[in-house]
Every structure is written in C-alpha cells, then in structure tokens.
Amino acid sequence: MDLENLRNTEYLKCADLLAELIGLDVDAKEKIYKCFESMGIQSFFQQLESLDLSPETTDKLKNVKAIIELSGGKRGLR
C-alpha cells in the first residue's frame, strides 16, 4: 500500500471514529473526511470555524480538539 492510500485509510478511520463519538450523520462524516484529505487533520481542527458544518457539530468538534490538546502535551494540535 502506498503512502497516500495509507494516509487516506487513516483519515477514513478518524472520520468514522469522530462520527461514532459525537453522533454525526453520514453527510457530516463525509464532509470531515474530505476536509481531512484536502487539508490534513491538524489544519482541520485549526480551521473549524470556517468549515461548512452545523454549529452543533462545530461545537462538538471544538470539545474534541480541547481534549486532544489537554491530553496531548507536545503531541497536541498547537
């Protein structure tokens, strides 16, 4: 498996986990996956406000980002 396919597989896993964790519908999950593909996960979380997601989904994702930052230390999304 080449690097791009591996990366996209991991992006899909992450989108699936987020969808399950915060109760996203299929459309929101697909939007998130496409954002991961185009900008990467770190940029996705940095640009949450500008993405075309519902306010409720954006708030939930901000909470996920905060948890990652608190638990990640140097590995966080800063």
N, C-alpha and C. Protein backbone atom coordinates (compact mmCIF):
# COMPACT_ATOMS: atom_id res chain seq x y z
N MET A 1 0.86 -1.17 0.00
CA MET A 1 0.00 0.00 0.00
C MET A 1 0.90 1.24 0.00
N ASP A 2 0.63 2.18 -0.88
CA ASP A 2 1.47 3.37 -0.93
C ASP A 2 1.07 4.35 0.17
N LEU A 3 1.90 5.36 0.35
CA LEU A 3 1.71 6.31 1.45
C LEU A 3 0.38 7.05 1.36
N GLU A 4 -0.01 7.46 0.17
CA GLU A 4 -1.27 8.20 0.01
C GLU A 4 -2.48 7.34 0.38
N ASN A 5 -2.48 6.09 -0.06
CA ASN A 5 -3.59 5.19 0.29
C ASN A 5 -3.63 4.93 1.79
N LEU A 6 -2.46 4.76 2.39
CA LEU A 6 -2.39 4.54 3.83
C LEU A 6 -2.93 5.76 4.58
N ARG A 7 -2.51 6.95 4.15
CA ARG A 7 -2.98 8.18 4.78
C ARG A 7 -4.50 8.30 4.67
N ASN A 8 -5.04 8.05 3.48
CA ASN A 8 -6.49 8.15 3.29
C ASN A 8 -7.26 7.11 4.10
N THR A 9 -6.67 5.93 4.26
CA THR A 9 -7.28 4.91 5.10
C THR A 9 -7.35 5.38 6.55
N GLU A 10 -6.27 6.00 7.01
CA GLU A 10 -6.25 6.52 8.38
C GLU A 10 -7.22 7.68 8.54
N TYR A 11 -7.33 8.55 7.54
CA TYR A 11 -8.30 9.64 7.58
C TYR A 11 -9.72 9.10 7.69
N LEU A 12 -10.01 8.05 6.93
CA LEU A 12 -11.34 7.45 6.98
C LEU A 12 -11.62 6.86 8.37
N LYS A 13 -10.63 6.20 8.94
CA LYS A 13 -10.79 5.65 10.30
C LYS A 13 -11.08 6.77 11.29
N CYS A 14 -10.34 7.87 11.18
CA CYS A 14 -10.53 9.00 12.09
C CYS A 14 -11.92 9.61 11.92
N ALA A 15 -12.36 9.78 10.69
CA ALA A 15 -13.70 10.32 10.44
C ALA A 15 -14.77 9.39 10.99
N ASP A 16 -14.58 8.09 10.82
CA ASP A 16 -15.53 7.11 11.36
C ASP A 16 -15.60 7.18 12.88
N LEU A 17 -14.43 7.28 13.52
CA LEU A 17 -14.39 7.36 14.98
C LEU A 17 -15.05 8.64 15.49
N LEU A 18 -14.75 9.76 14.84
CA LEU A 18 -15.39 11.02 15.23
C LEU A 18 -16.90 10.94 15.07
N ALA A 19 -17.35 10.36 13.97
CA ALA A 19 -18.78 10.22 13.72
C ALA A 19 -19.45 9.40 14.81
N GLU A 20 -18.80 8.33 15.21
CA GLU A 20 -19.36 7.48 16.26
C GLU A 20 -19.31 8.18 17.62
N LEU A 21 -18.21 8.85 17.89
CA LEU A 21 -18.01 9.51 19.18
C LEU A 21 -19.01 10.63 19.44
N ILE A 22 -19.24 11.46 18.43
CA ILE A 22 -20.10 12.63 18.66
C ILE A 22 -21.43 12.55 17.92
N GLY A 23 -21.73 11.40 17.34
CA GLY A 23 -23.04 11.17 16.74
C GLY A 23 -23.30 11.96 15.47
N LEU A 24 -22.38 11.89 14.53
CA LEU A 24 -22.54 12.60 13.26
C LEU A 24 -23.34 11.78 12.26
N ASP A 25 -24.05 12.47 11.40
CA ASP A 25 -24.73 11.78 10.31
C ASP A 25 -23.73 11.51 9.18
N VAL A 26 -24.17 10.77 8.19
CA VAL A 26 -23.29 10.35 7.09
C VAL A 26 -22.75 11.55 6.32
N ASP A 27 -23.59 12.56 6.12
CA ASP A 27 -23.15 13.74 5.37
C ASP A 27 -22.04 14.49 6.10
N ALA A 28 -22.19 14.69 7.39
CA ALA A 28 -21.17 15.39 8.17
C ALA A 28 -19.87 14.58 8.19
N LYS A 29 -20.00 13.27 8.33
CA LYS A 29 -18.80 12.42 8.34
C LYS A 29 -18.07 12.52 7.01
N GLU A 30 -18.80 12.54 5.91
CA GLU A 30 -18.19 12.65 4.58
C GLU A 30 -17.50 14.00 4.40
N LYS A 31 -18.13 15.07 4.89
CA LYS A 31 -17.51 16.40 4.82
C LYS A 31 -16.19 16.42 5.58
N ILE A 32 -16.21 15.83 6.76
CA ILE A 32 -15.00 15.80 7.58
C ILE A 32 -13.91 14.99 6.89
N TYR A 33 -14.26 13.85 6.35
CA TYR A 33 -13.28 13.03 5.63
C TYR A 33 -12.67 13.80 4.47
N LYS A 34 -13.50 14.49 3.70
CA LYS A 34 -12.98 15.27 2.56
C LYS A 34 -12.08 16.40 3.04
N CYS A 35 -12.42 17.01 4.16
CA CYS A 35 -11.54 18.04 4.72
C CYS A 35 -10.21 17.44 5.16
N PHE A 36 -10.25 16.28 5.81
CA PHE A 36 -9.01 15.61 6.19
C PHE A 36 -8.14 15.38 4.97
N GLU A 37 -8.75 14.88 3.89
CA GLU A 37 -8.00 14.61 2.66
C GLU A 37 -7.36 15.88 2.09
N SER A 38 -8.10 16.96 2.10
CA SER A 38 -7.61 18.17 1.43
C SER A 38 -6.67 19.00 2.29
N MET A 39 -6.85 18.99 3.62
CA MET A 39 -6.03 19.88 4.45
C MET A 39 -5.30 19.19 5.59
N GLY A 40 -5.58 17.93 5.83
CA GLY A 40 -4.95 17.24 6.95
C GLY A 40 -5.74 17.45 8.24
N ILE A 41 -5.47 16.63 9.21
CA ILE A 41 -6.23 16.67 10.45
C ILE A 41 -5.89 17.89 11.28
N GLN A 42 -4.61 18.23 11.38
CA GLN A 42 -4.22 19.38 12.19
C GLN A 42 -4.86 20.66 11.66
N SER A 43 -4.78 20.90 10.37
CA SER A 43 -5.39 22.10 9.79
C SER A 43 -6.91 22.07 9.93
N PHE A 44 -7.48 20.90 9.82
CA PHE A 44 -8.93 20.76 10.00
C PHE A 44 -9.35 21.33 11.35
N PHE A 45 -8.67 20.91 12.41
CA PHE A 45 -9.04 21.38 13.74
C PHE A 45 -8.71 22.86 13.93
N GLN A 46 -7.69 23.35 13.26
CA GLN A 46 -7.35 24.77 13.37
C GLN A 46 -8.36 25.65 12.65
N GLN A 47 -9.04 25.11 11.65
CA GLN A 47 -9.96 25.90 10.83
C GLN A 47 -11.43 25.52 11.02
N LEU A 48 -11.77 24.97 12.15
CA LEU A 48 -13.14 24.51 12.40
C LEU A 48 -14.18 25.58 12.12
N GLU A 49 -13.91 26.80 12.52
CA GLU A 49 -14.89 27.89 12.38
C GLU A 49 -15.25 28.16 10.92
N SER A 50 -14.31 27.93 10.01
CA SER A 50 -14.55 28.28 8.61
C SER A 50 -15.13 27.14 7.79
N LEU A 51 -15.32 25.98 8.39
CA LEU A 51 -15.83 24.83 7.66
C LEU A 51 -17.35 24.85 7.58
N ASP A 52 -17.87 24.20 6.57
CA ASP A 52 -19.31 24.17 6.33
C ASP A 52 -19.96 23.03 7.12
N LEU A 53 -19.96 23.19 8.45
CA LEU A 53 -20.57 22.21 9.33
C LEU A 53 -21.60 22.92 10.20
N SER A 54 -22.54 22.16 10.72
CA SER A 54 -23.56 22.78 11.58
C SER A 54 -22.90 23.33 12.84
N PRO A 55 -23.50 24.34 13.44
CA PRO A 55 -22.95 24.89 14.69
C PRO A 55 -22.82 23.83 15.78
N GLU A 56 -23.79 22.93 15.86
CA GLU A 56 -23.74 21.87 16.86
C GLU A 56 -22.53 20.95 16.63
N THR A 57 -22.30 20.58 15.38
CA THR A 57 -21.16 19.72 15.05
C THR A 57 -19.85 20.46 15.33
N THR A 58 -19.79 21.73 14.97
CA THR A 58 -18.58 22.52 15.22
C THR A 58 -18.29 22.59 16.71
N ASP A 59 -19.30 22.81 17.54
CA ASP A 59 -19.10 22.86 18.99
C ASP A 59 -18.59 21.53 19.52
N LYS A 60 -19.16 20.44 19.05
CA LYS A 60 -18.70 19.12 19.49
C LYS A 60 -17.24 18.89 19.09
N LEU A 61 -16.89 19.30 17.87
CA LEU A 61 -15.51 19.12 17.40
C LEU A 61 -14.54 20.02 18.17
N LYS A 62 -14.98 21.19 18.58
CA LYS A 62 -14.14 22.06 19.42
C LYS A 62 -13.85 21.37 20.75
N ASN A 63 -14.84 20.69 21.29
CA ASN A 63 -14.63 19.95 22.54
C ASN A 63 -13.64 18.81 22.34
N VAL A 64 -13.73 18.12 21.22
CA VAL A 64 -12.77 17.05 20.92
C VAL A 64 -11.37 17.65 20.80
N LYS A 65 -11.26 18.77 20.11
CA LYS A 65 -9.96 19.45 19.96
C LYS A 65 -9.39 19.81 21.33
N ALA A 66 -10.21 20.34 22.22
CA ALA A 66 -9.75 20.71 23.56
C ALA A 66 -9.24 19.50 24.32
N ILE A 67 -9.93 18.39 24.21
CA ILE A 67 -9.49 17.16 24.88
C ILE A 67 -8.15 16.70 24.32
N ILE A 68 -8.00 16.75 23.00
CA ILE A 68 -6.74 16.35 22.38
C ILE A 68 -5.61 17.24 22.86
N GLU A 69 -5.86 18.54 22.90
CA GLU A 69 -4.83 19.48 23.34
C GLU A 69 -4.45 19.26 24.80
N LEU A 70 -5.44 19.01 25.65
CA LEU A 70 -5.17 18.79 27.07
C LEU A 70 -4.40 17.49 27.31
N SER A 71 -4.72 16.47 26.56
CA SER A 71 -4.09 15.17 26.80
C SER A 71 -2.85 14.96 25.96
N GLY A 72 -2.64 15.79 24.95
CA GLY A 72 -1.55 15.57 24.03
C GLY A 72 -0.22 16.19 24.39
N GLY A 73 -0.21 17.22 25.22
CA GLY A 73 1.05 17.88 25.53
C GLY A 73 1.75 18.33 24.28
N LYS A 74 2.96 17.86 24.08
CA LYS A 74 3.74 18.22 22.89
C LYS A 74 3.14 17.65 21.62
N ARG A 75 2.35 16.59 21.73
CA ARG A 75 1.75 15.97 20.55
C ARG A 75 0.43 16.61 20.19
N GLY A 76 0.01 17.65 20.90
CA GLY A 76 -1.28 18.29 20.67
C GLY A 76 -1.37 18.98 19.33
N LEU A 77 -2.44 19.71 19.13
CA LEU A 77 -2.72 20.35 17.85
C LEU A 77 -2.32 21.82 17.84
N ARG A 78 -1.38 22.21 18.63
CA ARG A 78 -0.99 23.62 18.70
C ARG A 78 -0.13 24.03 17.56
